[in-house]
Amino acid sequence: IWVSGHLARCGFTLWDTQYPNPHLVSMG
């Protein structure tokens, strides 16, 4: 959650997680 907002404030447009998994899906 901290990283999500921070990336947006700092100008990032892509957040790569390599492989999907159920935990990441639950977070959007």
PDB file of all heavy atoms in Angstrom:
ATOM      1  N   ILE A   1       0.839  -1.203   0.000  1.00  0.00           N
ATOM      2  CA  ILE A   1       0.000   0.000   0.000  1.00  0.00           C
ATOM      3  C   ILE A   1       0.873   1.251   0.000  1.00  0.00           C
ATOM      4  O   ILE A   1       0.606   2.218  -0.722  1.00  0.00           O
ATOM      5  CB  ILE A   1      -0.955  -0.028   1.208  1.00  0.00           C
ATOM      6  CG1 ILE A   1      -1.898  -1.225   1.102  1.00  0.00           C
ATOM      7  CG2 ILE A   1      -1.753   1.272   1.305  1.00  0.00           C
ATOM      8  CD1 ILE A   1      -2.664  -1.535   2.378  1.00  0.00           C
ATOM      9  N   TRP A   2       1.929   1.247   0.794  1.00  0.00           N
ATOM     10  CA  TRP A   2       2.857   2.381   0.786  1.00  0.00           C
ATOM     11  C   TRP A   2       3.470   2.557  -0.599  1.00  0.00           C
ATOM     12  O   TRP A   2       3.557   3.670  -1.118  1.00  0.00           O
ATOM     13  CB  TRP A   2       3.952   2.183   1.827  1.00  0.00           C
ATOM     14  CG  TRP A   2       3.787   3.001   3.064  1.00  0.00           C
ATOM     15  CD1 TRP A   2       3.743   4.367   3.142  1.00  0.00           C
ATOM     16  CD2 TRP A   2       3.649   2.519   4.415  1.00  0.00           C
ATOM     17  NE1 TRP A   2       3.593   4.774   4.456  1.00  0.00           N
ATOM     18  CE2 TRP A   2       3.531   3.648   5.261  1.00  0.00           C
ATOM     19  CE3 TRP A   2       3.633   1.249   4.989  1.00  0.00           C
ATOM     20  CZ2 TRP A   2       3.400   3.555   6.641  1.00  0.00           C
ATOM     21  CZ3 TRP A   2       3.492   1.150   6.369  1.00  0.00           C
ATOM     22  CH2 TRP A   2       3.375   2.284   7.180  1.00  0.00           C
ATOM     23  N   VAL A   3       3.910   1.446  -1.195  1.00  0.00           N
ATOM     24  CA  VAL A   3       4.556   1.532  -2.507  1.00  0.00           C
ATOM     25  C   VAL A   3       3.573   2.026  -3.562  1.00  0.00           C
ATOM     26  O   VAL A   3       3.937   2.841  -4.430  1.00  0.00           O
ATOM     27  CB  VAL A   3       5.142   0.158  -2.903  1.00  0.00           C
ATOM     28  CG1 VAL A   3       5.568   0.148  -4.361  1.00  0.00           C
ATOM     29  CG2 VAL A   3       6.333  -0.188  -2.006  1.00  0.00           C
ATOM     30  N   SER A   4       2.335   1.589  -3.503  1.00  0.00           N
ATOM     31  CA  SER A   4       1.340   1.976  -4.501  1.00  0.00           C
ATOM     32  C   SER A   4       1.199   3.490  -4.617  1.00  0.00           C
ATOM     33  O   SER A   4       1.326   4.067  -5.700  1.00  0.00           O
ATOM     34  CB  SER A   4      -0.011   1.343  -4.159  1.00  0.00           C
ATOM     35  OG  SER A   4      -1.007   1.749  -5.075  1.00  0.00           O
ATOM     36  N   GLY A   5       0.942   4.132  -3.492  1.00  0.00           N
ATOM     37  CA  GLY A   5       0.796   5.588  -3.509  1.00  0.00           C
ATOM     38  C   GLY A   5       2.090   6.294  -3.854  1.00  0.00           C
ATOM     39  O   GLY A   5       2.087   7.321  -4.548  1.00  0.00           O
ATOM     40  N   HIS A   6       3.193   5.739  -3.390  1.00  0.00           N
ATOM     41  CA  HIS A   6       4.493   6.360  -3.632  1.00  0.00           C
ATOM     42  C   HIS A   6       4.829   6.354  -5.126  1.00  0.00           C
ATOM     43  O   HIS A   6       5.305   7.361  -5.668  1.00  0.00           O
ATOM     44  CB  HIS A   6       5.572   5.621  -2.851  1.00  0.00           C
ATOM     45  CG  HIS A   6       6.920   6.251  -2.940  1.00  0.00           C
ATOM     46  ND1 HIS A   6       7.216   7.482  -2.397  1.00  0.00           N
ATOM     47  CD2 HIS A   6       8.069   5.834  -3.556  1.00  0.00           C
ATOM     48  CE1 HIS A   6       8.475   7.793  -2.648  1.00  0.00           C
ATOM     49  NE2 HIS A   6       9.008   6.808  -3.350  1.00  0.00           N
ATOM     50  N   LEU A   7       4.584   5.248  -5.796  1.00  0.00           N
ATOM     51  CA  LEU A   7       4.856   5.182  -7.224  1.00  0.00           C
ATOM     52  C   LEU A   7       4.044   6.222  -7.993  1.00  0.00           C
ATOM     53  O   LEU A   7       4.542   6.851  -8.930  1.00  0.00           O
ATOM     54  CB  LEU A   7       4.552   3.776  -7.756  1.00  0.00           C
ATOM     55  CG  LEU A   7       5.448   2.636  -7.266  1.00  0.00           C
ATOM     56  CD1 LEU A   7       4.966   1.305  -7.836  1.00  0.00           C
ATOM     57  CD2 LEU A   7       6.907   2.874  -7.641  1.00  0.00           C
ATOM     58  N   ALA A   8       2.787   6.387  -7.597  1.00  0.00           N
ATOM     59  CA  ALA A   8       1.944   7.370  -8.274  1.00  0.00           C
ATOM     60  C   ALA A   8       2.474   8.783  -8.068  1.00  0.00           C
ATOM     61  O   ALA A   8       2.530   9.586  -9.012  1.00  0.00           O
ATOM     62  CB  ALA A   8       0.503   7.254  -7.762  1.00  0.00           C
ATOM     63  N   ARG A   9       2.869   9.097  -6.844  1.00  0.00           N
ATOM     64  CA  ARG A   9       3.387  10.445  -6.570  1.00  0.00           C
ATOM     65  C   ARG A   9       4.692  10.713  -7.318  1.00  0.00           C
ATOM     66  O   ARG A   9       4.984  11.860  -7.661  1.00  0.00           O
ATOM     67  CB  ARG A   9       3.615  10.614  -5.063  1.00  0.00           C
ATOM     68  CG  ARG A   9       2.350  10.790  -4.251  1.00  0.00           C
ATOM     69  CD  ARG A   9       2.675  11.169  -2.812  1.00  0.00           C
ATOM     70  NE  ARG A   9       3.371  10.084  -2.118  1.00  0.00           N
ATOM     71  CZ  ARG A   9       2.756   9.096  -1.462  1.00  0.00           C
ATOM     72  NH1 ARG A   9       1.437   9.044  -1.449  1.00  0.00           N
ATOM     73  NH2 ARG A   9       3.454   8.166  -0.836  1.00  0.00           N
ATOM     74  N   CYS A  10       5.481   9.679  -7.553  1.00  0.00           N
ATOM     75  CA  CYS A  10       6.813   9.851  -8.131  1.00  0.00           C
ATOM     76  C   CYS A  10       6.849   9.704  -9.653  1.00  0.00           C
ATOM     77  O   CYS A  10       7.931   9.758 -10.255  1.00  0.00           O
ATOM     78  CB  CYS A  10       7.782   8.849  -7.502  1.00  0.00           C
ATOM     79  SG  CYS A  10       8.080   9.150  -5.736  1.00  0.00           S
ATOM     80  N   GLY A  11       5.691   9.504 -10.281  1.00  0.00           N
ATOM     81  CA  GLY A  11       5.636   9.519 -11.731  1.00  0.00           C
ATOM     82  C   GLY A  11       5.713   8.174 -12.422  1.00  0.00           C
ATOM     83  O   GLY A  11       5.841   8.118 -13.649  1.00  0.00           O
ATOM     84  N   PHE A  12       5.620   7.071 -11.683  1.00  0.00           N
ATOM     85  CA  PHE A  12       5.695   5.750 -12.299  1.00  0.00           C
ATOM     86  C   PHE A  12       4.355   5.374 -12.931  1.00  0.00           C
ATOM     87  O   PHE A  12       3.292   5.779 -12.449  1.00  0.00           O
ATOM     88  CB  PHE A  12       6.103   4.702 -11.266  1.00  0.00           C
ATOM     89  CG  PHE A  12       7.540   4.809 -10.845  1.00  0.00           C
ATOM     90  CD1 PHE A  12       7.922   5.707  -9.851  1.00  0.00           C
ATOM     91  CD2 PHE A  12       8.523   4.051 -11.453  1.00  0.00           C
ATOM     92  CE1 PHE A  12       9.245   5.833  -9.466  1.00  0.00           C
ATOM     93  CE2 PHE A  12       9.850   4.157 -11.084  1.00  0.00           C
ATOM     94  CZ  PHE A  12      10.216   5.058 -10.079  1.00  0.00           C
ATOM     95  N   THR A  13       4.415   4.615 -14.012  1.00  0.00           N
ATOM     96  CA  THR A  13       3.201   4.217 -14.726  1.00  0.00           C
ATOM     97  C   THR A  13       3.055   2.697 -14.853  1.00  0.00           C
ATOM     98  O   THR A  13       1.993   2.224 -15.245  1.00  0.00           O
ATOM     99  CB  THR A  13       3.169   4.832 -16.137  1.00  0.00           C
ATOM    100  OG1 THR A  13       4.326   4.417 -16.866  1.00  0.00           O
ATOM    101  CG2 THR A  13       3.137   6.355 -16.060  1.00  0.00           C
ATOM    102  N   LEU A  14       4.103   1.943 -14.553  1.00  0.00           N
ATOM    103  CA  LEU A  14       4.034   0.478 -14.643  1.00  0.00           C
ATOM    104  C   LEU A  14       4.603  -0.136 -13.380  1.00  0.00           C
ATOM    105  O   LEU A  14       5.713   0.198 -12.962  1.00  0.00           O
ATOM    106  CB  LEU A  14       4.819  -0.026 -15.862  1.00  0.00           C
ATOM    107  CG  LEU A  14       4.886  -1.560 -16.026  1.00  0.00           C
ATOM    108  CD1 LEU A  14       3.496  -2.137 -16.307  1.00  0.00           C
ATOM    109  CD2 LEU A  14       5.855  -1.936 -17.143  1.00  0.00           C
ATOM    110  N   TRP A  15       3.832  -1.058 -12.787  1.00  0.00           N
ATOM    111  CA  TRP A  15       4.256  -1.789 -11.599  1.00  0.00           C
ATOM    112  C   TRP A  15       4.218  -3.273 -11.952  1.00  0.00           C
ATOM    113  O   TRP A  15       3.171  -3.903 -11.968  1.00  0.00           O
ATOM    114  CB  TRP A  15       3.314  -1.474 -10.438  1.00  0.00           C
ATOM    115  CG  TRP A  15       3.687  -2.068  -9.122  1.00  0.00           C
ATOM    116  CD1 TRP A  15       4.702  -2.936  -8.834  1.00  0.00           C
ATOM    117  CD2 TRP A  15       3.027  -1.823  -7.873  1.00  0.00           C
ATOM    118  NE1 TRP A  15       4.712  -3.246  -7.504  1.00  0.00           N
ATOM    119  CE2 TRP A  15       3.706  -2.579  -6.888  1.00  0.00           C
ATOM    120  CE3 TRP A  15       1.939  -1.044  -7.496  1.00  0.00           C
ATOM    121  CZ2 TRP A  15       3.307  -2.578  -5.562  1.00  0.00           C
ATOM    122  CZ3 TRP A  15       1.543  -1.037  -6.175  1.00  0.00           C
ATOM    123  CH2 TRP A  15       2.228  -1.787  -5.209  1.00  0.00           C
ATOM    124  N   ASP A  16       5.376  -3.815 -12.263  1.00  0.00           N
ATOM    125  CA  ASP A  16       5.504  -5.203 -12.698  1.00  0.00           C
ATOM    126  C   ASP A  16       5.675  -6.116 -11.494  1.00  0.00           C
ATOM    127  O   ASP A  16       6.491  -5.848 -10.612  1.00  0.00           O
ATOM    128  CB  ASP A  16       6.725  -5.307 -13.630  1.00  0.00           C
ATOM    129  CG  ASP A  16       7.083  -6.740 -13.972  1.00  0.00           C
ATOM    130  OD1 ASP A  16       6.154  -7.537 -14.176  1.00  0.00           O
ATOM    131  OD2 ASP A  16       8.286  -7.058 -14.024  1.00  0.00           O
ATOM    132  N   THR A  17       4.910  -7.207 -11.467  1.00  0.00           N
ATOM    133  CA  THR A  17       5.049  -8.198 -10.397  1.00  0.00           C
ATOM    134  C   THR A  17       5.505  -9.546 -10.943  1.00  0.00           C
ATOM    135  O   THR A  17       5.440 -10.548 -10.240  1.00  0.00           O
ATOM    136  CB  THR A  17       3.734  -8.377  -9.618  1.00  0.00           C
ATOM    137  OG1 THR A  17       2.733  -8.912 -10.501  1.00  0.00           O
ATOM    138  CG2 THR A  17       3.253  -7.054  -9.050  1.00  0.00           C
ATOM    139  N   GLN A  18       5.939  -9.575 -12.201  1.00  0.00           N
ATOM    140  CA  GLN A  18       6.438 -10.789 -12.862  1.00  0.00           C
ATOM    141  C   GLN A  18       5.327 -11.815 -13.036  1.00  0.00           C
ATOM    142  O   GLN A  18       4.726 -11.905 -14.086  1.00  0.00           O
ATOM    143  CB  GLN A  18       7.657 -11.347 -12.132  1.00  0.00           C
ATOM    144  CG  GLN A  18       8.830 -10.367 -12.107  1.00  0.00           C
ATOM    145  CD  GLN A  18      10.022 -10.864 -11.334  1.00  0.00           C
ATOM    146  OE1 GLN A  18       9.942 -11.822 -10.570  1.00  0.00           O
ATOM    147  NE2 GLN A  18      11.158 -10.211 -11.499  1.00  0.00           N
ATOM    148  N   TYR A  19       5.051 -12.588 -12.000  1.00  0.00           N
ATOM    149  CA  TYR A  19       4.011 -13.613 -12.091  1.00  0.00           C
ATOM    150  C   TYR A  19       2.787 -13.197 -11.274  1.00  0.00           C
ATOM    151  O   TYR A  19       2.924 -12.655 -10.172  1.00  0.00           O
ATOM    152  CB  TYR A  19       4.520 -14.954 -11.569  1.00  0.00           C
ATOM    153  CG  TYR A  19       5.596 -15.571 -12.434  1.00  0.00           C
ATOM    154  CD1 TYR A  19       6.939 -15.469 -12.084  1.00  0.00           C
ATOM    155  CD2 TYR A  19       5.265 -16.251 -13.594  1.00  0.00           C
ATOM    156  CE1 TYR A  19       7.930 -16.045 -12.865  1.00  0.00           C
ATOM    157  CE2 TYR A  19       6.249 -16.835 -14.393  1.00  0.00           C
ATOM    158  CZ  TYR A  19       7.582 -16.716 -14.019  1.00  0.00           C
ATOM    159  OH  TYR A  19       8.552 -17.277 -14.807  1.00  0.00           O
ATOM    160  N   PRO A  20       1.577 -13.457 -11.783  1.00  0.00           N
ATOM    161  CA  PRO A  20       0.379 -13.207 -10.975  1.00  0.00           C
ATOM    162  C   PRO A  20       0.217 -14.280  -9.909  1.00  0.00           C
ATOM    163  O   PRO A  20       0.719 -15.397 -10.055  1.00  0.00           O
ATOM    164  CB  PRO A  20      -0.753 -13.281 -12.012  1.00  0.00           C
ATOM    165  CG  PRO A  20      -0.226 -14.188 -13.083  1.00  0.00           C
ATOM    166  CD  PRO A  20       1.267 -13.965 -13.125  1.00  0.00           C
ATOM    167  N   ASN A  21      -0.452 -13.938  -8.818  1.00  0.00           N
ATOM    168  CA  ASN A  21      -0.811 -14.937  -7.817  1.00  0.00           C
ATOM    169  C   ASN A  21      -2.065 -14.472  -7.089  1.00  0.00           C
ATOM    170  O   ASN A  21      -2.441 -13.296  -7.188  1.00  0.00           O
ATOM    171  CB  ASN A  21       0.348 -15.216  -6.840  1.00  0.00           C
ATOM    172  CG  ASN A  21       0.735 -14.017  -6.007  1.00  0.00           C
ATOM    173  OD1 ASN A  21      -0.120 -13.371  -5.387  1.00  0.00           O
ATOM    174  ND2 ASN A  21       2.021 -13.694  -5.970  1.00  0.00           N
ATOM    175  N   PRO A  22      -2.757 -15.356  -6.378  1.00  0.00           N
ATOM    176  CA  PRO A  22      -4.028 -14.981  -5.751  1.00  0.00           C
ATOM    177  C   PRO A  22      -3.923 -13.807  -4.787  1.00  0.00           C
ATOM    178  O   PRO A  22      -4.843 -12.984  -4.701  1.00  0.00           O
ATOM    179  CB  PRO A  22      -4.447 -16.271  -5.027  1.00  0.00           C
ATOM    180  CG  PRO A  22      -3.796 -17.367  -5.818  1.00  0.00           C
ATOM    181  CD  PRO A  22      -2.482 -16.797  -6.259  1.00  0.00           C
ATOM    182  N   HIS A  23      -2.813 -13.714  -4.027  1.00  0.00           N
ATOM    183  CA  HIS A  23      -2.662 -12.605  -3.090  1.00  0.00           C
ATOM    184  C   HIS A  23      -2.620 -11.278  -3.830  1.00  0.00           C
ATOM    185  O   HIS A  23      -3.279 -10.309  -3.438  1.00  0.00           O
ATOM    186  CB  HIS A  23      -1.393 -12.778  -2.261  1.00  0.00           C
ATOM    187  CG  HIS A  23      -1.080 -11.603  -1.383  1.00  0.00           C
ATOM    188  ND1 HIS A  23      -1.925 -11.180  -0.373  1.00  0.00           N
ATOM    189  CD2 HIS A  23      -0.024 -10.737  -1.364  1.00  0.00           C
ATOM    190  CE1 HIS A  23      -1.406 -10.125   0.230  1.00  0.00           C
ATOM    191  NE2 HIS A  23      -0.265  -9.837  -0.357  1.00  0.00           N
ATOM    192  N   LEU A  24      -1.867 -11.216  -4.922  1.00  0.00           N
ATOM    193  CA  LEU A  24      -1.785  -9.979  -5.690  1.00  0.00           C
ATOM    194  C   LEU A  24      -3.128  -9.650  -6.343  1.00  0.00           C
ATOM    195  O   LEU A  24      -3.523  -8.479  -6.416  1.00  0.00           O
ATOM    196  CB  LEU A  24      -0.689 -10.092  -6.755  1.00  0.00           C
ATOM    197  CG  LEU A  24       0.737 -10.243  -6.223  1.00  0.00           C
ATOM    198  CD1 LEU A  24       1.716 -10.434  -7.376  1.00  0.00           C
ATOM    199  CD2 LEU A  24       1.139  -9.041  -5.375  1.00  0.00           C
ATOM    200  N   VAL A  25      -3.835 -10.671  -6.800  1.00  0.00           N
ATOM    201  CA  VAL A  25      -5.162 -10.447  -7.374  1.00  0.00           C
ATOM    202  C   VAL A  25      -6.091  -9.827  -6.337  1.00  0.00           C
ATOM    203  O   VAL A  25      -6.873  -8.917  -6.639  1.00  0.00           O
ATOM    204  CB  VAL A  25      -5.746 -11.767  -7.922  1.00  0.00           C
ATOM    205  CG1 VAL A  25      -7.222 -11.601  -8.294  1.00  0.00           C
ATOM    206  CG2 VAL A  25      -4.953 -12.231  -9.137  1.00  0.00           C
ATOM    207  N   SER A  26      -6.003 -10.278  -5.090  1.00  0.00           N
ATOM    208  CA  SER A  26      -6.849  -9.730  -4.028  1.00  0.00           C
ATOM    209  C   SER A  26      -6.551  -8.267  -3.747  1.00  0.00           C
ATOM    210  O   SER A  26      -7.390  -7.545  -3.195  1.00  0.00           O
ATOM    211  CB  SER A  26      -6.680 -10.553  -2.748  1.00  0.00           C
ATOM    212  OG  SER A  26      -5.427 -10.294  -2.118  1.00  0.00           O
ATOM    213  N   MET A  27      -5.361  -7.820  -4.151  1.00  0.00           N
ATOM    214  CA  MET A  27      -4.971  -6.422  -3.959  1.00  0.00           C
ATOM    215  C   MET A  27      -5.177  -5.595  -5.235  1.00  0.00           C
ATOM    216  O   MET A  27      -4.739  -4.458  -5.315  1.00  0.00           O
ATOM    217  CB  MET A  27      -3.505  -6.347  -3.542  1.00  0.00           C
ATOM    218  CG  MET A  27      -3.185  -7.015  -2.218  1.00  0.00           C
ATOM    219  SD  MET A  27      -3.825  -6.115  -0.781  1.00  0.00           S
ATOM    220  CE  MET A  27      -2.733  -4.689  -0.746  1.00  0.00           C
ATOM    221  N   GLY A  28      -5.823  -6.175  -6.214  1.00  0.00           N
ATOM    222  CA  GLY A  28      -6.082  -5.461  -7.462  1.00  0.00           C
ATOM    223  C   GLY A  28      -5.170  -5.849  -8.601  1.00  0.00           C
ATOM    224  O   GLY A  28      -5.188  -5.200  -9.660  1.00  0.00           O
TER     225      GLY A  28
END
